Amino acid sequence: MRVQVWKRLKDAEKWKNNYERIADYNHWDDSVRLANVVFYLSGTAMLWFDNNEDQFKNWSDFERLFEETFGRPKDLKSFAERLLRTRSQRPDETYESYVQDVLSLCRRVDKSMTED
């Protein structure tokens, strides 16, 4: 059995249910679920994980933040606004990566937002 790598926001619930199914099949406990989840993310999902990894003390934290972030599409804009207000360049992040992530957040908040 194999979990698909997840990167599209609209498939969050489907992806998580499949990941849970595979984790149950493999008898992964919560610490293994948390340790392995990073290998099944890409794109925006991976950026989100990287940006929030320090908040994942356990699997329950991951599930809660995952649901808060991707579980309610109507709240995604508000979440992006909060991220945009607090986003700063990480020490290990290139300038180009930082700028692209900020631009991505801007588009999530308002597709017509300019760089000005």
PDB file of N, CA and C in Angstrom:
ATOM      1  N   MET A   1       0.840  -1.178   0.000  1.00  0.00           N
ATOM      2  CA  MET A   1       0.000   0.000   0.000  1.00  0.00           C
ATOM      3  C   MET A   1       0.880   1.233   0.000  1.00  0.00           C
ATOM      4  N   ARG A   2       0.388   2.239  -0.683  1.00  0.00           N
ATOM      5  CA  ARG A   2       1.194   3.433  -0.828  1.00  0.00           C
ATOM      6  C   ARG A   2       0.360   4.695  -0.674  1.00  0.00           C
ATOM      7  N   VAL A   3       0.892   5.660   0.032  1.00  0.00           N
ATOM      8  CA  VAL A   3       0.230   6.955   0.201  1.00  0.00           C
ATOM      9  C   VAL A   3       0.715   7.876  -0.905  1.00  0.00           C
ATOM     10  N   GLN A   4      -0.209   8.531  -1.567  1.00  0.00           N
ATOM     11  CA  GLN A   4       0.165   9.503  -2.582  1.00  0.00           C
ATOM     12  C   GLN A   4       0.767  10.734  -1.917  1.00  0.00           C
ATOM     13  N   VAL A   5       1.740  11.344  -2.571  1.00  0.00           N
ATOM     14  CA  VAL A   5       2.281  12.610  -2.090  1.00  0.00           C
ATOM     15  C   VAL A   5       1.199  13.660  -2.283  1.00  0.00           C
ATOM     16  N   TRP A   6       0.982  14.473  -1.248  1.00  0.00           N
ATOM     17  CA  TRP A   6      -0.084  15.464  -1.302  1.00  0.00           C
ATOM     18  C   TRP A   6       0.476  16.858  -1.481  1.00  0.00           C
ATOM     19  N   LYS A   7      -0.105  17.595  -2.431  1.00  0.00           N
ATOM     20  CA  LYS A   7       0.321  18.969  -2.647  1.00  0.00           C
ATOM     21  C   LYS A   7      -0.835  19.901  -2.979  1.00  0.00           C
ATOM     22  N   ARG A   8      -2.011  19.360  -3.254  1.00  0.00           N
ATOM     23  CA  ARG A   8      -3.137  20.204  -3.650  1.00  0.00           C
ATOM     24  C   ARG A   8      -4.062  20.445  -2.470  1.00  0.00           C
ATOM     25  N   LEU A   9      -4.337  21.702  -2.202  1.00  0.00           N
ATOM     26  CA  LEU A   9      -5.139  22.078  -1.042  1.00  0.00           C
ATOM     27  C   LEU A   9      -6.530  21.459  -1.058  1.00  0.00           C
ATOM     28  N   LYS A  10      -7.137  21.327  -2.226  1.00  0.00           N
ATOM     29  CA  LYS A  10      -8.517  20.855  -2.285  1.00  0.00           C
ATOM     30  C   LYS A  10      -8.670  19.388  -1.914  1.00  0.00           C
ATOM     31  N   ASP A  11      -7.601  18.633  -1.910  1.00  0.00           N
ATOM     32  CA  ASP A  11      -7.667  17.207  -1.613  1.00  0.00           C
ATOM     33  C   ASP A  11      -7.239  16.871  -0.189  1.00  0.00           C
ATOM     34  N   ALA A  12      -7.229  17.830   0.693  1.00  0.00           N
ATOM     35  CA  ALA A  12      -6.676  17.635   2.037  1.00  0.00           C
ATOM     36  C   ALA A  12      -7.352  16.508   2.803  1.00  0.00           C
ATOM     37  N   GLU A  13      -8.657  16.522   2.874  1.00  0.00           N
ATOM     38  CA  GLU A  13      -9.357  15.505   3.663  1.00  0.00           C
ATOM     39  C   GLU A  13      -9.157  14.110   3.072  1.00  0.00           C
ATOM     40  N   LYS A  14      -9.260  14.011   1.770  1.00  0.00           N
ATOM     41  CA  LYS A  14      -9.066  12.717   1.101  1.00  0.00           C
ATOM     42  C   LYS A  14      -7.651  12.191   1.354  1.00  0.00           C
ATOM     43  N   TRP A  15      -6.666  13.076   1.205  1.00  0.00           N
ATOM     44  CA  TRP A  15      -5.279  12.666   1.434  1.00  0.00           C
ATOM     45  C   TRP A  15      -5.080  12.208   2.873  1.00  0.00           C
ATOM     46  N   LYS A  16      -5.591  12.982   3.835  1.00  0.00           N
ATOM     47  CA  LYS A  16      -5.391  12.636   5.242  1.00  0.00           C
ATOM     48  C   LYS A  16      -6.047  11.308   5.583  1.00  0.00           C
ATOM     49  N   ASN A  17      -7.241  11.062   5.080  1.00  0.00           N
ATOM     50  CA  ASN A  17      -7.907   9.784   5.329  1.00  0.00           C
ATOM     51  C   ASN A  17      -7.090   8.623   4.773  1.00  0.00           C
ATOM     52  N   ASN A  18      -6.532   8.803   3.586  1.00  0.00           N
ATOM     53  CA  ASN A  18      -5.702   7.757   2.985  1.00  0.00           C
ATOM     54  C   ASN A  18      -4.424   7.549   3.796  1.00  0.00           C
ATOM     55  N   TYR A  19      -3.805   8.641   4.237  1.00  0.00           N
ATOM     56  CA  TYR A  19      -2.594   8.535   5.054  1.00  0.00           C
ATOM     57  C   TYR A  19      -2.894   7.775   6.346  1.00  0.00           C
ATOM     58  N   GLU A  20      -4.005   8.094   6.986  1.00  0.00           N
ATOM     59  CA  GLU A  20      -4.406   7.409   8.220  1.00  0.00           C
ATOM     60  C   GLU A  20      -4.640   5.918   7.964  1.00  0.00           C
ATOM     61  N   ARG A  21      -5.274   5.601   6.856  1.00  0.00           N
ATOM     62  CA  ARG A  21      -5.539   4.203   6.503  1.00  0.00           C
ATOM     63  C   ARG A  21      -4.235   3.422   6.361  1.00  0.00           C
ATOM     64  N   ILE A  22      -3.282   4.007   5.661  1.00  0.00           N
ATOM     65  CA  ILE A  22      -1.982   3.355   5.470  1.00  0.00           C
ATOM     66  C   ILE A  22      -1.243   3.244   6.800  1.00  0.00           C
ATOM     67  N   ALA A  23      -1.297   4.293   7.606  1.00  0.00           N
ATOM     68  CA  ALA A  23      -0.632   4.265   8.913  1.00  0.00           C
ATOM     69  C   ALA A  23      -1.222   3.166   9.794  1.00  0.00           C
ATOM     70  N   ASP A  24      -2.540   3.031   9.768  1.00  0.00           N
ATOM     71  CA  ASP A  24      -3.177   1.956  10.540  1.00  0.00           C
ATOM     72  C   ASP A  24      -2.740   0.590  10.021  1.00  0.00           C
ATOM     73  N   TYR A  25      -2.741   0.434   8.717  1.00  0.00           N
ATOM     74  CA  TYR A  25      -2.341  -0.840   8.107  1.00  0.00           C
ATOM     75  C   TYR A  25      -0.918  -1.224   8.517  1.00  0.00           C
ATOM     76  N   ASN A  26      -0.042  -0.228   8.573  1.00  0.00           N
ATOM     77  CA  ASN A  26       1.361  -0.472   8.924  1.00  0.00           C
ATOM     78  C   ASN A  26       1.619  -0.449  10.433  1.00  0.00           C
ATOM     79  N   HIS A  27       0.556  -0.283  11.221  1.00  0.00           N
ATOM     80  CA  HIS A  27       0.657  -0.261  12.685  1.00  0.00           C
ATOM     81  C   HIS A  27       1.593   0.842  13.184  1.00  0.00           C
ATOM     82  N   TRP A  28       1.532   2.008  12.515  1.00  0.00           N
ATOM     83  CA  TRP A  28       2.342   3.138  12.955  1.00  0.00           C
ATOM     84  C   TRP A  28       1.692   3.762  14.179  1.00  0.00           C
ATOM     85  N   ASP A  29       2.488   3.990  15.215  1.00  0.00           N
ATOM     86  CA  ASP A  29       1.964   4.746  16.353  1.00  0.00           C
ATOM     87  C   ASP A  29       2.038   6.235  15.993  1.00  0.00           C
ATOM     88  N   ASP A  30       1.563   7.081  16.888  1.00  0.00           N
ATOM     89  CA  ASP A  30       1.493   8.512  16.579  1.00  0.00           C
ATOM     90  C   ASP A  30       2.854   9.135  16.295  1.00  0.00           C
ATOM     91  N   SER A  31       3.884   8.696  16.981  1.00  0.00           N
ATOM     92  CA  SER A  31       5.212   9.279  16.742  1.00  0.00           C
ATOM     93  C   SER A  31       5.732   8.905  15.355  1.00  0.00           C
ATOM     94  N   VAL A  32       5.438   7.701  14.893  1.00  0.00           N
ATOM     95  CA  VAL A  32       5.865   7.275  13.553  1.00  0.00           C
ATOM     96  C   VAL A  32       5.041   7.999  12.491  1.00  0.00           C
ATOM     97  N   ARG A  33       3.755   8.193  12.751  1.00  0.00           N
ATOM     98  CA  ARG A  33       2.913   8.951  11.809  1.00  0.00           C
ATOM     99  C   ARG A  33       3.490  10.351  11.594  1.00  0.00           C
ATOM    100  N   LEU A  34       3.856  10.990  12.690  1.00  0.00           N
ATOM    101  CA  LEU A  34       4.410  12.338  12.599  1.00  0.00           C
ATOM    102  C   LEU A  34       5.765  12.329  11.901  1.00  0.00           C
ATOM    103  N   ALA A  35       6.597  11.357  12.211  1.00  0.00           N
ATOM    104  CA  ALA A  35       7.925  11.274  11.596  1.00  0.00           C
ATOM    105  C   ALA A  35       7.838  11.007  10.098  1.00  0.00           C
ATOM    106  N   ASN A  36       6.851  10.241   9.664  1.00  0.00           N
ATOM    107  CA  ASN A  36       6.744   9.858   8.252  1.00  0.00           C
ATOM    108  C   ASN A  36       5.977  10.842   7.382  1.00  0.00           C
ATOM    109  N   VAL A  37       5.125  11.660   7.968  1.00  0.00           N
ATOM    110  CA  VAL A  37       4.231  12.493   7.166  1.00  0.00           C
ATOM    111  C   VAL A  37       4.992  13.421   6.220  1.00  0.00           C
ATOM    112  N   VAL A  38       6.145  13.886   6.621  1.00  0.00           N
ATOM    113  CA  VAL A  38       6.921  14.815   5.794  1.00  0.00           C
ATOM    114  C   VAL A  38       7.289  14.207   4.434  1.00  0.00           C
ATOM    115  N   PHE A  39       7.409  12.897   4.378  1.00  0.00           N
ATOM    116  CA  PHE A  39       7.787  12.230   3.136  1.00  0.00           C
ATOM    117  C   PHE A  39       6.632  12.126   2.147  1.00  0.00           C
ATOM    118  N   TYR A  40       5.450  12.526   2.574  1.00  0.00           N
ATOM    119  CA  TYR A  40       4.263  12.434   1.735  1.00  0.00           C
ATOM    120  C   TYR A  40       3.660  13.798   1.427  1.00  0.00           C
ATOM    121  N   LEU A  41       4.476  14.840   1.547  1.00  0.00           N
ATOM    122  CA  LEU A  41       4.041  16.203   1.263  1.00  0.00           C
ATOM    123  C   LEU A  41       4.922  16.814   0.190  1.00  0.00           C
ATOM    124  N   SER A  42       4.348  17.721  -0.585  1.00  0.00           N
ATOM    125  CA  SER A  42       5.136  18.506  -1.542  1.00  0.00           C
ATOM    126  C   SER A  42       4.396  19.814  -1.802  1.00  0.00           C
ATOM    127  N   GLY A  43       5.023  20.686  -2.561  1.00  0.00           N
ATOM    128  CA  GLY A  43       4.397  21.954  -2.920  1.00  0.00           C
ATOM    129  C   GLY A  43       4.003  22.778  -1.707  1.00  0.00           C
ATOM    130  N   THR A  44       2.808  23.349  -1.748  1.00  0.00           N
ATOM    131  CA  THR A  44       2.309  24.191  -0.665  1.00  0.00           C
ATOM    132  C   THR A  44       2.229  23.426   0.647  1.00  0.00           C
ATOM    133  N   ALA A  45       1.835  22.166   0.563  1.00  0.00           N
ATOM    134  CA  ALA A  45       1.750  21.346   1.776  1.00  0.00           C
ATOM    135  C   ALA A  45       3.110  21.220   2.450  1.00  0.00           C
ATOM    136  N   MET A  46       4.153  21.054   1.655  1.00  0.00           N
ATOM    137  CA  MET A  46       5.498  20.944   2.214  1.00  0.00           C
ATOM    138  C   MET A  46       5.949  22.282   2.792  1.00  0.00           C
ATOM    139  N   LEU A  47       5.630  23.379   2.106  1.00  0.00           N
ATOM    140  CA  LEU A  47       5.956  24.712   2.635  1.00  0.00           C
ATOM    141  C   LEU A  47       5.276  24.926   3.986  1.00  0.00           C
ATOM    142  N   TRP A  48       4.006  24.538   4.057  1.00  0.00           N
ATOM    143  CA  TRP A  48       3.273  24.663   5.314  1.00  0.00           C
ATOM    144  C   TRP A  48       3.957  23.852   6.413  1.00  0.00           C
ATOM    145  N   PHE A  49       4.337  22.619   6.100  1.00  0.00           N
ATOM    146  CA  PHE A  49       5.005  21.774   7.094  1.00  0.00           C
ATOM    147  C   PHE A  49       6.303  22.426   7.555  1.00  0.00           C
ATOM    148  N   ASP A  50       7.108  22.877   6.601  1.00  0.00           N
ATOM    149  CA  ASP A  50       8.377  23.532   6.950  1.00  0.00           C
ATOM    150  C   ASP A  50       8.153  24.753   7.838  1.00  0.00           C
ATOM    151  N   ASN A  51       7.129  25.525   7.520  1.00  0.00           N
ATOM    152  CA  ASN A  51       6.847  26.746   8.274  1.00  0.00           C
ATOM    153  C   ASN A  51       6.311  26.476   9.679  1.00  0.00           C
ATOM    154  N   ASN A  52       5.774  25.292   9.901  1.00  0.00           N
ATOM    155  CA  ASN A  52       5.118  24.998  11.177  1.00  0.00           C
ATOM    156  C   ASN A  52       5.708  23.823  11.936  1.00  0.00           C
ATOM    157  N   GLU A  53       6.768  23.245  11.426  1.00  0.00           N
ATOM    158  CA  GLU A  53       7.310  22.015  12.007  1.00  0.00           C
ATOM    159  C   GLU A  53       7.596  22.132  13.503  1.00  0.00           C
ATOM    160  N   ASP A  54       8.052  23.284  13.940  1.00  0.00           N
ATOM    161  CA  ASP A  54       8.375  23.454  15.361  1.00  0.00           C
ATOM    162  C   ASP A  54       7.135  23.403  16.262  1.00  0.00           C
ATOM    163  N   GLN A  55       5.950  23.501  15.678  1.00  0.00           N
ATOM    164  CA  GLN A  55       4.712  23.433  16.460  1.00  0.00           C
ATOM    165  C   GLN A  55       4.177  22.007  16.600  1.00  0.00           C
ATOM    166  N   PHE A  56       4.758  21.073  15.848  1.00  0.00           N
ATOM    167  CA  PHE A  56       4.280  19.691  15.875  1.00  0.00           C
ATOM    168  C   PHE A  56       5.015  18.907  16.954  1.00  0.00           C
ATOM    169  N   LYS A  57       4.534  19.021  18.174  1.00  0.00           N
ATOM    170  CA  LYS A  57       5.144  18.281  19.288  1.00  0.00           C
ATOM    171  C   LYS A  57       4.699  16.823  19.271  1.00  0.00           C
ATOM    172  N   ASN A  58       3.528  16.566  18.675  1.00  0.00           N
ATOM    173  CA  ASN A  58       2.996  15.209  18.584  1.00  0.00           C
ATOM    174  C   ASN A  58       2.003  15.147  17.423  1.00  0.00           C
ATOM    175  N   TRP A  59       1.478  13.954  17.151  1.00  0.00           N
ATOM    176  CA  TRP A  59       0.569  13.753  16.030  1.00  0.00           C
ATOM    177  C   TRP A  59      -0.715  14.565  16.203  1.00  0.00           C
ATOM    178  N   SER A  60      -1.193  14.694  17.417  1.00  0.00           N
ATOM    179  CA  SER A  60      -2.407  15.480  17.667  1.00  0.00           C
ATOM    180  C   SER A  60      -2.214  16.942  17.283  1.00  0.00           C
ATOM    181  N   ASP A  61      -1.036  17.482  17.549  1.00  0.00           N
ATOM    182  CA  ASP A  61      -0.734  18.860  17.137  1.00  0.00           C
ATOM    183  C   ASP A  61      -0.784  18.981  15.622  1.00  0.00           C
ATOM    184  N   PHE A  62      -0.171  18.015  14.940  1.00  0.00           N
ATOM    185  CA  PHE A  62      -0.184  18.025  13.475  1.00  0.00           C
ATOM    186  C   PHE A  62      -1.623  17.984  12.970  1.00  0.00           C
ATOM    187  N   GLU A  63      -2.426  17.054  13.495  1.00  0.00           N
ATOM    188  CA  GLU A  63      -3.812  16.919  13.043  1.00  0.00           C
ATOM    189  C   GLU A  63      -4.605  18.208  13.264  1.00  0.00           C
ATOM    190  N   ARG A  64      -4.439  18.803  14.431  1.00  0.00           N
ATOM    191  CA  ARG A  64      -5.172  20.032  14.751  1.00  0.00           C
ATOM    192  C   ARG A  64      -4.789  21.166  13.800  1.00  0.00           C
ATOM    193  N   LEU A  65      -3.492  21.373  13.618  1.00  0.00           N
ATOM    194  CA  LEU A  65      -3.043  22.455  12.733  1.00  0.00           C
ATOM    195  C   LEU A  65      -3.383  22.167  11.276  1.00  0.00           C
ATOM    196  N   PHE A  66      -3.320  20.907  10.886  1.00  0.00           N
ATOM    197  CA  PHE A  66      -3.698  20.510   9.531  1.00  0.00           C
ATOM    198  C   PHE A  66      -5.161  20.864   9.280  1.00  0.00           C
ATOM    199  N   GLU A  67      -6.016  20.504  10.223  1.00  0.00           N
ATOM    200  CA  GLU A  67      -7.446  20.794  10.090  1.00  0.00           C
ATOM    201  C   GLU A  67      -7.705  22.299  10.084  1.00  0.00           C
ATOM    202  N   GLU A  68      -7.038  23.017  10.966  1.00  0.00           N
ATOM    203  CA  GLU A  68      -7.217  24.470  11.017  1.00  0.00           C
ATOM    204  C   GLU A  68      -6.788  25.130   9.710  1.00  0.00           C
ATOM    205  N   THR A  69      -5.741  24.598   9.111  1.00  0.00           N
ATOM    206  CA  THR A  69      -5.184  25.211   7.911  1.00  0.00           C
ATOM    207  C   THR A  69      -5.896  24.781   6.643  1.00  0.00           C
ATOM    208  N   PHE A  70      -6.088  23.486   6.462  1.00  0.00           N
ATOM    209  CA  PHE A  70      -6.583  22.964   5.190  1.00  0.00           C
ATOM    210  C   PHE A  70      -7.993  22.398   5.257  1.00  0.00           C
ATOM    211  N   GLY A  71      -8.536  22.261   6.452  1.00  0.00           N
ATOM    212  CA  GLY A  71      -9.826  21.607   6.601  1.00  0.00           C
ATOM    213  C   GLY A  71     -11.026  22.460   6.252  1.00  0.00           C
ATOM    214  N   ARG A  72     -10.874  23.758   6.272  1.00  0.00           N
ATOM    215  CA  ARG A  72     -11.990  24.654   5.991  1.00  0.00           C
ATOM    216  C   ARG A  72     -11.584  25.648   4.909  1.00  0.00           C
ATOM    217  N   PRO A  73     -11.928  25.391   3.661  1.00  0.00           N
ATOM    218  CA  PRO A  73     -11.510  26.279   2.569  1.00  0.00           C
ATOM    219  C   PRO A  73     -11.869  27.743   2.778  1.00  0.00           C
ATOM    220  N   LYS A  74     -13.010  28.029   3.419  1.00  0.00           N
ATOM    221  CA  LYS A  74     -13.402  29.428   3.622  1.00  0.00           C
ATOM    222  C   LYS A  74     -12.458  30.150   4.572  1.00  0.00           C
ATOM    223  N   ASP A  75     -11.747  29.379   5.399  1.00  0.00           N
ATOM    224  CA  ASP A  75     -10.818  29.988   6.348  1.00  0.00           C
ATOM    225  C   ASP A  75      -9.402  30.139   5.790  1.00  0.00           C
ATOM    226  N   LEU A  76      -9.148  29.588   4.602  1.00  0.00           N
ATOM    227  CA  LEU A  76      -7.795  29.646   4.041  1.00  0.00           C
ATOM    228  C   LEU A  76      -7.322  31.075   3.818  1.00  0.00           C
ATOM    229  N   LYS A  77      -8.228  31.940   3.379  1.00  0.00           N
ATOM    230  CA  LYS A  77      -7.844  33.333   3.151  1.00  0.00           C
ATOM    231  C   LYS A  77      -7.431  33.991   4.462  1.00  0.00           C
ATOM    232  N   SER A  78      -8.196  33.778   5.514  1.00  0.00           N
ATOM    233  CA  SER A  78      -7.852  34.345   6.827  1.00  0.00           C
ATOM    234  C   SER A  78      -6.521  33.804   7.324  1.00  0.00           C
ATOM    235  N   PHE A  79      -6.312  32.520   7.122  1.00  0.00           N
ATOM    236  CA  PHE A  79      -5.047  31.915   7.539  1.00  0.00           C
ATOM    237  C   PHE A  79      -3.884  32.539   6.773  1.00  0.00           C
ATOM    238  N   ALA A  80      -4.049  32.709   5.459  1.00  0.00           N
ATOM    239  CA  ALA A  80      -2.997  33.315   4.642  1.00  0.00           C
ATOM    240  C   ALA A  80      -2.718  34.747   5.101  1.00  0.00           C
ATOM    241  N   GLU A  81      -3.757  35.478   5.454  1.00  0.00           N
ATOM    242  CA  GLU A  81      -3.569  36.843   5.955  1.00  0.00           C
ATOM    243  C   GLU A  81      -2.749  36.846   7.241  1.00  0.00           C
ATOM    244  N   ARG A  82      -3.070  35.919   8.153  1.00  0.00           N
ATOM    245  CA  ARG A  82      -2.302  35.831   9.406  1.00  0.00           C
ATOM    246  C   ARG A  82      -0.846  35.470   9.126  1.00  0.00           C
ATOM    247  N   LEU A  83      -0.634  34.513   8.236  1.00  0.00           N
ATOM    248  CA  LEU A  83       0.740  34.134   7.889  1.00  0.00           C
ATOM    249  C   LEU A  83       1.495  35.299   7.275  1.00  0.00           C
ATOM    250  N   LEU A  84       0.825  36.013   6.387  1.00  0.00           N
ATOM    251  CA  LEU A  84       1.462  37.132   5.696  1.00  0.00           C
ATOM    252  C   LEU A  84       1.885  38.221   6.680  1.00  0.00           C
ATOM    253  N   ARG A  85       1.067  38.475   7.679  1.00  0.00           N
ATOM    254  CA  ARG A  85       1.401  39.493   8.681  1.00  0.00           C
ATOM    255  C   ARG A  85       2.616  39.113   9.520  1.00  0.00           C
ATOM    256  N   THR A  86       2.835  37.830   9.714  1.00  0.00           N
ATOM    257  CA  THR A  86       3.905  37.384  10.616  1.00  0.00           C
ATOM    258  C   THR A  86       5.078  36.732   9.895  1.00  0.00           C
ATOM    259  N   ARG A  87       4.985  36.591   8.598  1.00  0.00           N
ATOM    260  CA  ARG A  87       6.013  35.866   7.835  1.00  0.00           C
ATOM    261  C   ARG A  87       7.326  36.623   7.854  1.00  0.00           C
ATOM    262  N   SER A  88       8.393  35.946   8.217  1.00  0.00           N
ATOM    263  CA  SER A  88       9.739  36.517   8.142  1.00  0.00           C
ATOM    264  C   SER A  88      10.663  35.468   7.535  1.00  0.00           C
ATOM    265  N   GLN A  89      11.766  35.931   7.019  1.00  0.00           N
ATOM    266  CA  GLN A  89      12.699  35.018   6.368  1.00  0.00           C
ATOM    267  C   GLN A  89      13.384  34.146   7.420  1.00  0.00           C
ATOM    268  N   ARG A  90      13.360  32.832   7.186  1.00  0.00           N
ATOM    269  CA  ARG A  90      14.025  31.896   8.094  1.00  0.00           C
ATOM    270  C   ARG A  90      15.526  31.950   7.853  1.00  0.00           C
ATOM    271  N   PRO A  91      16.331  31.677   8.865  1.00  0.00           N
ATOM    272  CA  PRO A  91      17.795  31.749   8.722  1.00  0.00           C
ATOM    273  C   PRO A  91      18.345  30.885   7.584  1.00  0.00           C
ATOM    274  N   ASP A  92      17.748  29.726   7.353  1.00  0.00           N
ATOM    275  CA  ASP A  92      18.250  28.822   6.320  1.00  0.00           C
ATOM    276  C   ASP A  92      17.545  28.991   4.974  1.00  0.00           C
ATOM    277  N   GLU A  93      16.709  30.015   4.848  1.00  0.00           N
ATOM    278  CA  GLU A  93      15.904  30.220   3.652  1.00  0.00           C
ATOM    279  C   GLU A  93      16.564  31.221   2.712  1.00  0.00           C
ATOM    280  N   THR A  94      16.615  30.897   1.432  1.00  0.00           N
ATOM    281  CA  THR A  94      17.181  31.837   0.468  1.00  0.00           C
ATOM    282  C   THR A  94      16.219  33.012   0.286  1.00  0.00           C
ATOM    283  N   TYR A  95      16.776  34.111  -0.156  1.00  0.00           N
ATOM    284  CA  TYR A  95      15.967  35.295  -0.417  1.00  0.00           C
ATOM    285  C   TYR A  95      14.892  34.985  -1.458  1.00  0.00           C
ATOM    286  N   GLU A  96      15.290  34.274  -2.518  1.00  0.00           N
ATOM    287  CA  GLU A  96      14.358  33.952  -3.599  1.00  0.00           C
ATOM    288  C   GLU A  96      13.183  33.113  -3.091  1.00  0.00           C
ATOM    289  N   SER A  97      13.492  32.125  -2.259  1.00  0.00           N
ATOM    290  CA  SER A  97      12.440  31.271  -1.711  1.00  0.00           C
ATOM    291  C   SER A  97      11.498  32.077  -0.821  1.00  0.00           C
ATOM    292  N   TYR A  98      12.061  32.944  -0.006  1.00  0.00           N
ATOM    293  CA  TYR A  98      11.258  33.793   0.877  1.00  0.00           C
ATOM    294  C   TYR A  98      10.314  34.682   0.063  1.00  0.00           C
ATOM    295  N   VAL A  99      10.848  35.356  -0.944  1.00  0.00           N
ATOM    296  CA  VAL A  99      10.038  36.253  -1.771  1.00  0.00           C
ATOM    297  C   VAL A  99       8.922  35.472  -2.462  1.00  0.00           C
ATOM    298  N   GLN A 100       9.237  34.306  -3.013  1.00  0.00           N
ATOM    299  CA  GLN A 100       8.219  33.514  -3.701  1.00  0.00           C
ATOM    300  C   GLN A 100       7.117  33.067  -2.742  1.00  0.00           C
ATOM    301  N   ASP A 101       7.499  32.714  -1.530  1.00  0.00           N
ATOM    302  CA  ASP A 101       6.497  32.300  -0.553  1.00  0.00           C
ATOM    303  C   ASP A 101       5.600  33.471  -0.166  1.00  0.00           C
ATOM    304  N   VAL A 102       6.177  34.651   0.030  1.00  0.00           N
ATOM    305  CA  VAL A 102       5.379  35.837   0.354  1.00  0.00           C
ATOM    306  C   VAL A 102       4.434  36.165  -0.803  1.00  0.00           C
ATOM    307  N   LEU A 103       4.929  36.094  -2.034  1.00  0.00           N
ATOM    308  CA  LEU A 103       4.067  36.346  -3.192  1.00  0.00           C
ATOM    309  C   LEU A 103       2.930  35.328  -3.264  1.00  0.00           C
ATOM    310  N   SER A 104       3.239  34.089  -2.940  1.00  0.00           N
ATOM    311  CA  SER A 104       2.211  33.048  -2.920  1.00  0.00           C
ATOM    312  C   SER A 104       1.145  33.361  -1.874  1.00  0.00           C
ATOM    313  N   LEU A 105       1.567  33.801  -0.702  1.00  0.00           N
ATOM    314  CA  LEU A 105       0.608  34.190   0.336  1.00  0.00           C
ATOM    315  C   LEU A 105      -0.241  35.372  -0.119  1.00  0.00           C
ATOM    316  N   CYS A 106       0.384  36.325  -0.777  1.00  0.00           N
ATOM    317  CA  CYS A 106      -0.356  37.489  -1.291  1.00  0.00           C
ATOM    318  C   CYS A 106      -1.452  37.045  -2.254  1.00  0.00           C
ATOM    319  N   ARG A 107      -1.131  36.122  -3.140  1.00  0.00           N
ATOM    320  CA  ARG A 107      -2.127  35.630  -4.097  1.00  0.00           C
ATOM    321  C   ARG A 107      -3.264  34.894  -3.390  1.00  0.00           C
ATOM    322  N   ARG A 108      -2.942  34.189  -2.313  1.00  0.00           N
ATOM    323  CA  ARG A 108      -3.988  33.486  -1.563  1.00  0.00           C
ATOM    324  C   ARG A 108      -4.915  34.476  -0.861  1.00  0.00           C
ATOM    325  N   VAL A 109      -4.369  35.611  -0.443  1.00  0.00           N
ATOM    326  CA  VAL A 109      -5.174  36.634   0.221  1.00  0.00           C
ATOM    327  C   VAL A 109      -6.017  37.384  -0.799  1.00  0.00           C
ATOM    328  N   ASP A 110      -5.388  37.792  -1.907  1.00  0.00           N
ATOM    329  CA  ASP A 110      -6.074  38.586  -2.929  1.00  0.00           C
ATOM    330  C   ASP A 110      -5.355  38.390  -4.256  1.00  0.00           C
ATOM    331  N   LYS A 111      -6.003  37.690  -5.181  1.00  0.00           N
ATOM    332  CA  LYS A 111      -5.367  37.375  -6.471  1.00  0.00           C
ATOM    333  C   LYS A 111      -4.958  38.620  -7.247  1.00  0.00           C
ATOM    334  N   SER A 112      -5.603  39.753  -6.980  1.00  0.00           N
ATOM    335  CA  SER A 112      -5.273  40.981  -7.708  1.00  0.00           C
ATOM    336  C   SER A 112      -4.267  41.852  -6.961  1.00  0.00           C
ATOM    337  N   MET A 113      -3.744  41.371  -5.837  1.00  0.00           N
ATOM    338  CA  MET A 113      -2.774  42.146  -5.063  1.00  0.00           C
ATOM    339  C   MET A 113      -1.510  42.371  -5.892  1.00  0.00           C
ATOM    340  N   THR A 114      -1.015  43.601  -5.869  1.00  0.00           N
ATOM    341  CA  THR A 114       0.214  43.921  -6.598  1.00  0.00           C
ATOM    342  C   THR A 114       1.405  43.839  -5.654  1.00  0.00           C
ATOM    343  N   GLU A 115       2.597  43.930  -6.217  1.00  0.00           N
ATOM    344  CA  GLU A 115       3.815  43.868  -5.413  1.00  0.00           C
ATOM    345  C   GLU A 115       4.095  45.182  -4.695  1.00  0.00           C
ATOM    346  N   ASP A 116       3.338  46.209  -4.999  1.00  0.00           N
ATOM    347  CA  ASP A 116       3.556  47.524  -4.372  1.00  0.00           C
ATOM    348  C   ASP A 116       3.087  47.577  -2.972  1.00  0.00           C
TER     349      ASP A 116
END
